[in-house]
Amino acid sequence: MTLVYNAGSRPGQARSVVPVSVTDGGLIAVEPGSRVNKTYKLDRIASVELANGLRATNEQATPPVVAPALPDVPNLKTLAEYVEHFRAELIGAG
């Protein structure tokens, strides 16, 4: 089956899993090619699609956490250029 899980290393992305069991803690499943069982918390599963095309959506799923954008870093050639560019910030930070 394919599920969209709003947590973990790929929040909000579809992933193929093979279910092992369901517990109070969530869905225990393994990704194809892996030997590691993972627990997917039910309140973070946004949708599930079975191989036959049946699909269920969890409207109450916790939304995925969006990582903050990285600050703009200039493309400088040497460490000395970076030190000079960030000198005031580095001194201010102690």
PDB file of N, CA and C in Angstrom:
ATOM      1  N   MET A   1       0.832  -1.169   0.000  1.00  0.00           N
ATOM      2  CA  MET A   1       0.000   0.000   0.000  1.00  0.00           C
ATOM      3  C   MET A   1       0.880   1.236   0.000  1.00  0.00           C
ATOM      4  N   THR A   2       0.281   2.374  -0.342  1.00  0.00           N
ATOM      5  CA  THR A   2       0.994   3.642  -0.347  1.00  0.00           C
ATOM      6  C   THR A   2       0.337   4.547   0.673  1.00  0.00           C
ATOM      7  N   LEU A   3       1.148   5.185   1.509  1.00  0.00           N
ATOM      8  CA  LEU A   3       0.583   6.123   2.462  1.00  0.00           C
ATOM      9  C   LEU A   3       1.324   7.439   2.394  1.00  0.00           C
ATOM     10  N   VAL A   4       0.616   8.489   2.761  1.00  0.00           N
ATOM     11  CA  VAL A   4       1.226   9.811   2.899  1.00  0.00           C
ATOM     12  C   VAL A   4       1.313  10.052   4.386  1.00  0.00           C
ATOM     13  N   TYR A   5       2.549  10.187   4.875  1.00  0.00           N
ATOM     14  CA  TYR A   5       2.799  10.328   6.306  1.00  0.00           C
ATOM     15  C   TYR A   5       3.351  11.720   6.564  1.00  0.00           C
ATOM     16  N   ASN A   6       2.685  12.448   7.449  1.00  0.00           N
ATOM     17  CA  ASN A   6       3.046  13.837   7.705  1.00  0.00           C
ATOM     18  C   ASN A   6       4.082  14.004   8.809  1.00  0.00           C
ATOM     19  N   ALA A   7       5.040  13.116   8.859  1.00  0.00           N
ATOM     20  CA  ALA A   7       6.131  13.201   9.834  1.00  0.00           C
ATOM     21  C   ALA A   7       7.307  12.409   9.280  1.00  0.00           C
ATOM     22  N   GLY A   8       8.315  12.211  10.103  1.00  0.00           N
ATOM     23  CA  GLY A   8       9.465  11.420   9.695  1.00  0.00           C
ATOM     24  C   GLY A   8      10.423  12.194   8.807  1.00  0.00           C
ATOM     25  N   SER A   9      11.228  11.449   8.080  1.00  0.00           N
ATOM     26  CA  SER A   9      12.281  12.068   7.268  1.00  0.00           C
ATOM     27  C   SER A   9      11.751  12.684   5.977  1.00  0.00           C
ATOM     28  N   ARG A  10      10.539  12.287   5.569  1.00  0.00           N
ATOM     29  CA  ARG A  10       9.947  12.809   4.325  1.00  0.00           C
ATOM     30  C   ARG A  10       8.496  13.226   4.567  1.00  0.00           C
ATOM     31  N   PRO A  11       8.273  14.214   5.443  1.00  0.00           N
ATOM     32  CA  PRO A  11       6.894  14.567   5.781  1.00  0.00           C
ATOM     33  C   PRO A  11       6.086  15.018   4.566  1.00  0.00           C
ATOM     34  N   GLY A  12       4.870  14.454   4.456  1.00  0.00           N
ATOM     35  CA  GLY A  12       3.970  14.835   3.379  1.00  0.00           C
ATOM     36  C   GLY A  12       4.198  14.117   2.066  1.00  0.00           C
ATOM     37  N   GLN A  13       5.193  13.249   2.011  1.00  0.00           N
ATOM     38  CA  GLN A  13       5.490  12.532   0.766  1.00  0.00           C
ATOM     39  C   GLN A  13       4.902  11.134   0.814  1.00  0.00           C
ATOM     40  N   ALA A  14       4.484  10.641  -0.337  1.00  0.00           N
ATOM     41  CA  ALA A  14       3.960   9.284  -0.443  1.00  0.00           C
ATOM     42  C   ALA A  14       5.096   8.281  -0.274  1.00  0.00           C
ATOM     43  N   ARG A  15       4.793   7.180   0.391  1.00  0.00           N
ATOM     44  CA  ARG A  15       5.780   6.106   0.543  1.00  0.00           C
ATOM     45  C   ARG A  15       5.075   4.759   0.498  1.00  0.00           C
ATOM     46  N   SER A  16       5.714   3.805  -0.135  1.00  0.00           N
ATOM     47  CA  SER A  16       5.179   2.444  -0.210  1.00  0.00           C
ATOM     48  C   SER A  16       5.572   1.695   1.051  1.00  0.00           C
ATOM     49  N   VAL A  17       4.599   0.987   1.633  1.00  0.00           N
ATOM     50  CA  VAL A  17       4.867   0.195   2.826  1.00  0.00           C
ATOM     51  C   VAL A  17       4.098  -1.113   2.748  1.00  0.00           C
ATOM     52  N   VAL A  18       4.588  -2.092   3.496  1.00  0.00           N
ATOM     53  CA  VAL A  18       3.898  -3.364   3.658  1.00  0.00           C
ATOM     54  C   VAL A  18       3.465  -3.434   5.123  1.00  0.00           C
ATOM     55  N   PRO A  19       2.149  -3.431   5.393  1.00  0.00           N
ATOM     56  CA  PRO A  19       1.679  -3.456   6.774  1.00  0.00           C
ATOM     57  C   PRO A  19       2.071  -4.753   7.474  1.00  0.00           C
ATOM     58  N   VAL A  20       2.431  -4.629   8.740  1.00  0.00           N
ATOM     59  CA  VAL A  20       2.752  -5.784   9.578  1.00  0.00           C
ATOM     60  C   VAL A  20       1.649  -5.970  10.609  1.00  0.00           C
ATOM     61  N   SER A  21       1.262  -4.874  11.283  1.00  0.00           N
ATOM     62  CA  SER A  21       0.189  -4.926  12.280  1.00  0.00           C
ATOM     63  C   SER A  21      -0.276  -3.521  12.600  1.00  0.00           C
ATOM     64  N   VAL A  22      -1.399  -3.453  13.315  1.00  0.00           N
ATOM     65  CA  VAL A  22      -1.924  -2.187  13.801  1.00  0.00           C
ATOM     66  C   VAL A  22      -2.050  -2.301  15.308  1.00  0.00           C
ATOM     67  N   THR A  23      -1.532  -1.306  16.015  1.00  0.00           N
ATOM     68  CA  THR A  23      -1.595  -1.284  17.473  1.00  0.00           C
ATOM     69  C   THR A  23      -2.205   0.036  17.922  1.00  0.00           C
ATOM     70  N   ASP A  24      -2.345   0.211  19.228  1.00  0.00           N
ATOM     71  CA  ASP A  24      -2.809   1.498  19.751  1.00  0.00           C
ATOM     72  C   ASP A  24      -1.834   2.605  19.377  1.00  0.00           C
ATOM     73  N   GLY A  25      -0.558   2.259  19.203  1.00  0.00           N
ATOM     74  CA  GLY A  25       0.462   3.242  18.870  1.00  0.00           C
ATOM     75  C   GLY A  25       0.482   3.631  17.408  1.00  0.00           C
ATOM     76  N   GLY A  26      -0.100   2.812  16.533  1.00  0.00           N
ATOM     77  CA  GLY A  26      -0.121   3.152  15.120  1.00  0.00           C
ATOM     78  C   GLY A  26       0.008   1.945  14.219  1.00  0.00           C
ATOM     79  N   LEU A  27       0.332   2.212  12.993  1.00  0.00           N
ATOM     80  CA  LEU A  27       0.522   1.181  11.978  1.00  0.00           C
ATOM     81  C   LEU A  27       1.983   0.747  12.000  1.00  0.00           C
ATOM     82  N   ILE A  28       2.211  -0.533  12.181  1.00  0.00           N
ATOM     83  CA  ILE A  28       3.564  -1.087  12.085  1.00  0.00           C
ATOM     84  C   ILE A  28       3.709  -1.582  10.655  1.00  0.00           C
ATOM     85  N   ALA A  29       4.725  -1.085   9.955  1.00  0.00           N
ATOM     86  CA  ALA A  29       4.914  -1.450   8.549  1.00  0.00           C
ATOM     87  C   ALA A  29       6.399  -1.428   8.213  1.00  0.00           C
ATOM     88  N   VAL A  30       6.717  -2.020   7.085  1.00  0.00           N
ATOM     89  CA  VAL A  30       8.087  -2.052   6.597  1.00  0.00           C
ATOM     90  C   VAL A  30       8.079  -1.542   5.161  1.00  0.00           C
ATOM     91  N   GLU A  31       9.075  -0.734   4.814  1.00  0.00           N
ATOM     92  CA  GLU A  31       9.198  -0.283   3.442  1.00  0.00           C
ATOM     93  C   GLU A  31       9.853  -1.384   2.623  1.00  0.00           C
ATOM     94  N   PRO A  32       9.389  -1.622   1.386  1.00  0.00           N
ATOM     95  CA  PRO A  32       9.989  -2.661   0.546  1.00  0.00           C
ATOM     96  C   PRO A  32      11.503  -2.465   0.441  1.00  0.00           C
ATOM     97  N   GLY A  33      12.237  -3.554   0.587  1.00  0.00           N
ATOM     98  CA  GLY A  33      13.692  -3.491   0.523  1.00  0.00           C
ATOM     99  C   GLY A  33      14.343  -3.228   1.861  1.00  0.00           C
ATOM    100  N   SER A  34      13.545  -2.983   2.891  1.00  0.00           N
ATOM    101  CA  SER A  34      14.077  -2.734   4.231  1.00  0.00           C
ATOM    102  C   SER A  34      13.662  -3.874   5.149  1.00  0.00           C
ATOM    103  N   ARG A  35      14.429  -4.097   6.173  1.00  0.00           N
ATOM    104  CA  ARG A  35      14.088  -5.116   7.166  1.00  0.00           C
ATOM    105  C   ARG A  35      13.648  -4.485   8.482  1.00  0.00           C
ATOM    106  N   VAL A  36      13.556  -3.154   8.481  1.00  0.00           N
ATOM    107  CA  VAL A  36      13.253  -2.426   9.711  1.00  0.00           C
ATOM    108  C   VAL A  36      11.765  -2.091   9.770  1.00  0.00           C
ATOM    109  N   ASN A  37      11.095  -2.570  10.825  1.00  0.00           N
ATOM    110  CA  ASN A  37       9.713  -2.187  11.051  1.00  0.00           C
ATOM    111  C   ASN A  37       9.675  -0.762  11.571  1.00  0.00           C
ATOM    112  N   LYS A  38       8.742   0.026  11.038  1.00  0.00           N
ATOM    113  CA  LYS A  38       8.557   1.399  11.495  1.00  0.00           C
ATOM    114  C   LYS A  38       7.130   1.549  12.004  1.00  0.00           C
ATOM    115  N   THR A  39       6.960   2.446  12.965  1.00  0.00           N
ATOM    116  CA  THR A  39       5.634   2.747  13.479  1.00  0.00           C
ATOM    117  C   THR A  39       5.177   4.081  12.915  1.00  0.00           C
ATOM    118  N   TYR A  40       4.041   4.071  12.247  1.00  0.00           N
ATOM    119  CA  TYR A  40       3.448   5.275  11.694  1.00  0.00           C
ATOM    120  C   TYR A  40       2.254   5.634  12.567  1.00  0.00           C
ATOM    121  N   LYS A  41       2.337   6.759  13.277  1.00  0.00           N
ATOM    122  CA  LYS A  41       1.249   7.193  14.149  1.00  0.00           C
ATOM    123  C   LYS A  41       0.019   7.491  13.297  1.00  0.00           C
ATOM    124  N   LEU A  42      -1.115   6.954  13.733  1.00  0.00           N
ATOM    125  CA  LEU A  42      -2.331   7.070  12.939  1.00  0.00           C
ATOM    126  C   LEU A  42      -2.747   8.521  12.706  1.00  0.00           C
ATOM    127  N   ASP A  43      -2.524   9.391  13.697  1.00  0.00           N
ATOM    128  CA  ASP A  43      -2.950  10.785  13.534  1.00  0.00           C
ATOM    129  C   ASP A  43      -2.047  11.575  12.591  1.00  0.00           C
ATOM    130  N   ARG A  44      -0.990  10.952  12.101  1.00  0.00           N
ATOM    131  CA  ARG A  44      -0.093  11.627  11.157  1.00  0.00           C
ATOM    132  C   ARG A  44      -0.166  11.021   9.758  1.00  0.00           C
ATOM    133  N   ILE A  45      -1.003  10.009   9.592  1.00  0.00           N
ATOM    134  CA  ILE A  45      -1.212   9.412   8.273  1.00  0.00           C
ATOM    135  C   ILE A  45      -2.296  10.226   7.569  1.00  0.00           C
ATOM    136  N   ALA A  46      -1.923  10.909   6.498  1.00  0.00           N
ATOM    137  CA  ALA A  46      -2.855  11.778   5.777  1.00  0.00           C
ATOM    138  C   ALA A  46      -3.744  10.997   4.819  1.00  0.00           C
ATOM    139  N   SER A  47      -3.190   9.950   4.197  1.00  0.00           N
ATOM    140  CA  SER A  47      -3.984   9.136   3.279  1.00  0.00           C
ATOM    141  C   SER A  47      -3.324   7.785   3.079  1.00  0.00           C
ATOM    142  N   VAL A  48      -4.163   6.842   2.635  1.00  0.00           N
ATOM    143  CA  VAL A  48      -3.700   5.484   2.349  1.00  0.00           C
ATOM    144  C   VAL A  48      -4.341   5.058   1.036  1.00  0.00           C
ATOM    145  N   GLU A  49      -3.551   4.446   0.175  1.00  0.00           N
ATOM    146  CA  GLU A  49      -4.086   3.884  -1.061  1.00  0.00           C
ATOM    147  C   GLU A  49      -3.650   2.434  -1.165  1.00  0.00           C
ATOM    148  N   LEU A  50      -4.633   1.555  -1.347  1.00  0.00           N
ATOM    149  CA  LEU A  50      -4.342   0.135  -1.483  1.00  0.00           C
ATOM    150  C   LEU A  50      -3.984  -0.201  -2.918  1.00  0.00           C
ATOM    151  N   ALA A  51      -3.420  -1.383  -3.122  1.00  0.00           N
ATOM    152  CA  ALA A  51      -2.989  -1.803  -4.458  1.00  0.00           C
ATOM    153  C   ALA A  51      -4.152  -1.853  -5.447  1.00  0.00           C
ATOM    154  N   ASN A  52      -5.376  -2.110  -4.943  1.00  0.00           N
ATOM    155  CA  ASN A  52      -6.538  -2.186  -5.834  1.00  0.00           C
ATOM    156  C   ASN A  52      -7.127  -0.812  -6.155  1.00  0.00           C
ATOM    157  N   GLY A  53      -6.486   0.263  -5.671  1.00  0.00           N
ATOM    158  CA  GLY A  53      -6.931   1.607  -5.976  1.00  0.00           C
ATOM    159  C   GLY A  53      -7.830   2.245  -4.939  1.00  0.00           C
ATOM    160  N   LEU A  54      -8.308   1.465  -3.956  1.00  0.00           N
ATOM    161  CA  LEU A  54      -9.121   2.051  -2.898  1.00  0.00           C
ATOM    162  C   LEU A  54      -8.285   3.029  -2.097  1.00  0.00           C
ATOM    163  N   ARG A  55      -8.892   4.183  -1.787  1.00  0.00           N
ATOM    164  CA  ARG A  55      -8.153   5.248  -1.113  1.00  0.00           C
ATOM    165  C   ARG A  55      -8.971   5.786   0.047  1.00  0.00           C
ATOM    166  N   ALA A  56      -8.285   6.074   1.145  1.00  0.00           N
ATOM    167  CA  ALA A  56      -8.912   6.703   2.311  1.00  0.00           C
ATOM    168  C   ALA A  56      -8.075   7.913   2.690  1.00  0.00           C
ATOM    169  N   THR A  57      -8.758   9.000   3.047  1.00  0.00           N
ATOM    170  CA  THR A  57      -8.089  10.233   3.439  1.00  0.00           C
ATOM    171  C   THR A  57      -8.449  10.551   4.881  1.00  0.00           C
ATOM    172  N   ASN A  58      -7.460  10.980   5.663  1.00  0.00           N
ATOM    173  CA  ASN A  58      -7.651  11.362   7.058  1.00  0.00           C
ATOM    174  C   ASN A  58      -7.639  12.886   7.135  1.00  0.00           C
ATOM    175  N   GLU A  59      -8.818  13.482   7.146  1.00  0.00           N
ATOM    176  CA  GLU A  59      -8.918  14.945   7.167  1.00  0.00           C
ATOM    177  C   GLU A  59      -8.387  15.539   8.473  1.00  0.00           C
ATOM    178  N   GLN A  60      -8.350  14.751   9.548  1.00  0.00           N
ATOM    179  CA  GLN A  60      -7.867  15.243  10.843  1.00  0.00           C
ATOM    180  C   GLN A  60      -6.379  15.001  11.061  1.00  0.00           C
ATOM    181  N   ALA A  61      -5.676  14.543  10.037  1.00  0.00           N
ATOM    182  CA  ALA A  61      -4.243  14.253  10.193  1.00  0.00           C
ATOM    183  C   ALA A  61      -3.476  15.517  10.564  1.00  0.00           C
ATOM    184  N   THR A  62      -2.516  15.342  11.449  1.00  0.00           N
ATOM    185  CA  THR A  62      -1.625  16.445  11.798  1.00  0.00           C
ATOM    186  C   THR A  62      -0.882  16.870  10.538  1.00  0.00           C
ATOM    187  N   PRO A  63      -0.891  18.172  10.205  1.00  0.00           N
ATOM    188  CA  PRO A  63      -0.202  18.594   8.981  1.00  0.00           C
ATOM    189  C   PRO A  63       1.311  18.410   9.086  1.00  0.00           C
ATOM    190  N   PRO A  64       1.985  18.277   7.933  1.00  0.00           N
ATOM    191  CA  PRO A  64       3.443  18.112   7.970  1.00  0.00           C
ATOM    192  C   PRO A  64       4.111  19.389   8.483  1.00  0.00           C
ATOM    193  N   VAL A  65       5.231  19.198   9.146  1.00  0.00           N
ATOM    194  CA  VAL A  65       6.027  20.332   9.625  1.00  0.00           C
ATOM    195  C   VAL A  65       6.879  20.816   8.460  1.00  0.00           C
ATOM    196  N   VAL A  66       6.789  22.090   8.187  1.00  0.00           N
ATOM    197  CA  VAL A  66       7.572  22.665   7.087  1.00  0.00           C
ATOM    198  C   VAL A  66       8.855  23.230   7.679  1.00  0.00           C
ATOM    199  N   ALA A  67       9.977  22.772   7.167  1.00  0.00           N
ATOM    200  CA  ALA A  67      11.273  23.251   7.652  1.00  0.00           C
ATOM    201  C   ALA A  67      11.474  24.700   7.233  1.00  0.00           C
ATOM    202  N   PRO A  68      12.033  25.500   8.127  1.00  0.00           N
ATOM    203  CA  PRO A  68      12.271  26.897   7.751  1.00  0.00           C
ATOM    204  C   PRO A  68      13.308  26.990   6.633  1.00  0.00           C
ATOM    205  N   ALA A  69      13.159  27.992   5.820  1.00  0.00           N
ATOM    206  CA  ALA A  69      14.106  28.194   4.721  1.00  0.00           C
ATOM    207  C   ALA A  69      15.484  28.531   5.280  1.00  0.00           C
ATOM    208  N   LEU A  70      16.494  28.051   4.621  1.00  0.00           N
ATOM    209  CA  LEU A  70      17.861  28.360   5.016  1.00  0.00           C
ATOM    210  C   LEU A  70      18.178  29.806   4.658  1.00  0.00           C
ATOM    211  N   PRO A  71      18.982  30.466   5.478  1.00  0.00           N
ATOM    212  CA  PRO A  71      19.336  31.853   5.138  1.00  0.00           C
ATOM    213  C   PRO A  71      20.201  31.891   3.881  1.00  0.00           C
ATOM    214  N   ASP A  72      20.148  33.009   3.191  1.00  0.00           N
ATOM    215  CA  ASP A  72      20.993  33.179   2.009  1.00  0.00           C
ATOM    216  C   ASP A  72      22.449  33.269   2.442  1.00  0.00           C
ATOM    217  N   VAL A  73      23.278  32.447   1.837  1.00  0.00           N
ATOM    218  CA  VAL A  73      24.706  32.445   2.135  1.00  0.00           C
ATOM    219  C   VAL A  73      25.431  32.797   0.848  1.00  0.00           C
ATOM    220  N   PRO A  74      26.288  33.793   0.897  1.00  0.00           N
ATOM    221  CA  PRO A  74      27.001  34.182  -0.326  1.00  0.00           C
ATOM    222  C   PRO A  74      27.948  33.081  -0.788  1.00  0.00           C
ATOM    223  N   ASN A  75      28.170  33.024  -2.071  1.00  0.00           N
ATOM    224  CA  ASN A  75      29.075  32.047  -2.652  1.00  0.00           C
ATOM    225  C   ASN A  75      30.464  32.681  -2.753  1.00  0.00           C
ATOM    226  N   LEU A  76      31.233  32.546  -1.673  1.00  0.00           N
ATOM    227  CA  LEU A  76      32.581  33.124  -1.636  1.00  0.00           C
ATOM    228  C   LEU A  76      33.601  32.028  -1.887  1.00  0.00           C
ATOM    229  N   LYS A  77      34.814  32.424  -2.242  1.00  0.00           N
ATOM    230  CA  LYS A  77      35.823  31.455  -2.667  1.00  0.00           C
ATOM    231  C   LYS A  77      36.691  30.922  -1.541  1.00  0.00           C
ATOM    232  N   THR A  78      36.925  31.720  -0.498  1.00  0.00           N
ATOM    233  CA  THR A  78      37.860  31.282   0.543  1.00  0.00           C
ATOM    234  C   THR A  78      37.250  31.470   1.927  1.00  0.00           C
ATOM    235  N   LEU A  79      37.824  30.772   2.891  1.00  0.00           N
ATOM    236  CA  LEU A  79      37.410  30.935   4.276  1.00  0.00           C
ATOM    237  C   LEU A  79      37.642  32.368   4.739  1.00  0.00           C
ATOM    238  N   ALA A  80      38.727  32.971   4.311  1.00  0.00           N
ATOM    239  CA  ALA A  80      39.025  34.356   4.688  1.00  0.00           C
ATOM    240  C   ALA A  80      37.921  35.303   4.200  1.00  0.00           C
ATOM    241  N   GLU A  81      37.382  35.053   3.008  1.00  0.00           N
ATOM    242  CA  GLU A  81      36.297  35.889   2.499  1.00  0.00           C
ATOM    243  C   GLU A  81      35.034  35.720   3.355  1.00  0.00           C
ATOM    244  N   TYR A  82      34.753  34.488   3.790  1.00  0.00           N
ATOM    245  CA  TYR A  82      33.592  34.253   4.659  1.00  0.00           C
ATOM    246  C   TYR A  82      33.781  34.943   6.009  1.00  0.00           C
ATOM    247  N   VAL A  83      34.978  34.844   6.565  1.00  0.00           N
ATOM    248  CA  VAL A  83      35.264  35.497   7.849  1.00  0.00           C
ATOM    249  C   VAL A  83      35.051  36.998   7.724  1.00  0.00           C
ATOM    250  N   GLU A  84      35.573  37.583   6.669  1.00  0.00           N
ATOM    251  CA  GLU A  84      35.416  39.025   6.476  1.00  0.00           C
ATOM    252  C   GLU A  84      33.942  39.394   6.283  1.00  0.00           C
ATOM    253  N   HIS A  85      33.239  38.602   5.511  1.00  0.00           N
ATOM    254  CA  HIS A  85      31.827  38.887   5.239  1.00  0.00           C
ATOM    255  C   HIS A  85      30.980  38.828   6.518  1.00  0.00           C
ATOM    256  N   PHE A  86      31.264  37.851   7.367  1.00  0.00           N
ATOM    257  CA  PHE A  86      30.460  37.649   8.578  1.00  0.00           C
ATOM    258  C   PHE A  86      31.132  38.195   9.838  1.00  0.00           C
ATOM    259  N   ARG A  87      32.187  38.966   9.694  1.00  0.00           N
ATOM    260  CA  ARG A  87      32.985  39.463  10.831  1.00  0.00           C
ATOM    261  C   ARG A  87      32.112  40.108  11.908  1.00  0.00           C
ATOM    262  N   ALA A  88      31.287  41.065  11.550  1.00  0.00           N
ATOM    263  CA  ALA A  88      30.461  41.770  12.543  1.00  0.00           C
ATOM    264  C   ALA A  88      29.521  40.805  13.264  1.00  0.00           C
ATOM    265  N   GLU A  89      28.925  39.894  12.524  1.00  0.00           N
ATOM    266  CA  GLU A  89      28.007  38.910  13.126  1.00  0.00           C
ATOM    267  C   GLU A  89      28.766  37.974  14.073  1.00  0.00           C
ATOM    268  N   LEU A  90      29.948  37.529  13.666  1.00  0.00           N
ATOM    269  CA  LEU A  90      30.763  36.640  14.510  1.00  0.00           C
ATOM    270  C   LEU A  90      31.215  37.347  15.778  1.00  0.00           C
ATOM    271  N   ILE A  91      31.646  38.591  15.656  1.00  0.00           N
ATOM    272  CA  ILE A  91      32.079  39.358  16.842  1.00  0.00           C
ATOM    273  C   ILE A  91      30.889  39.575  17.769  1.00  0.00           C
ATOM    274  N   GLY A  92      29.735  39.891  17.211  1.00  0.00           N
ATOM    275  CA  GLY A  92      28.547  40.107  18.014  1.00  0.00           C
ATOM    276  C   GLY A  92      28.090  38.850  18.738  1.00  0.00           C
ATOM    277  N   ALA A  93      28.347  37.692  18.157  1.00  0.00           N
ATOM    278  CA  ALA A  93      27.953  36.421  18.770  1.00  0.00           C
ATOM    279  C   ALA A  93      28.926  35.999  19.868  1.00  0.00           C
ATOM    280  N   GLY A  94      30.067  36.664  19.933  1.00  0.00           N
ATOM    281  CA  GLY A  94      31.040  36.342  20.982  1.00  0.00           C
ATOM    282  C   GLY A  94      32.027  35.351  20.520  1.00  0.00           C
TER     283      GLY A  94
END
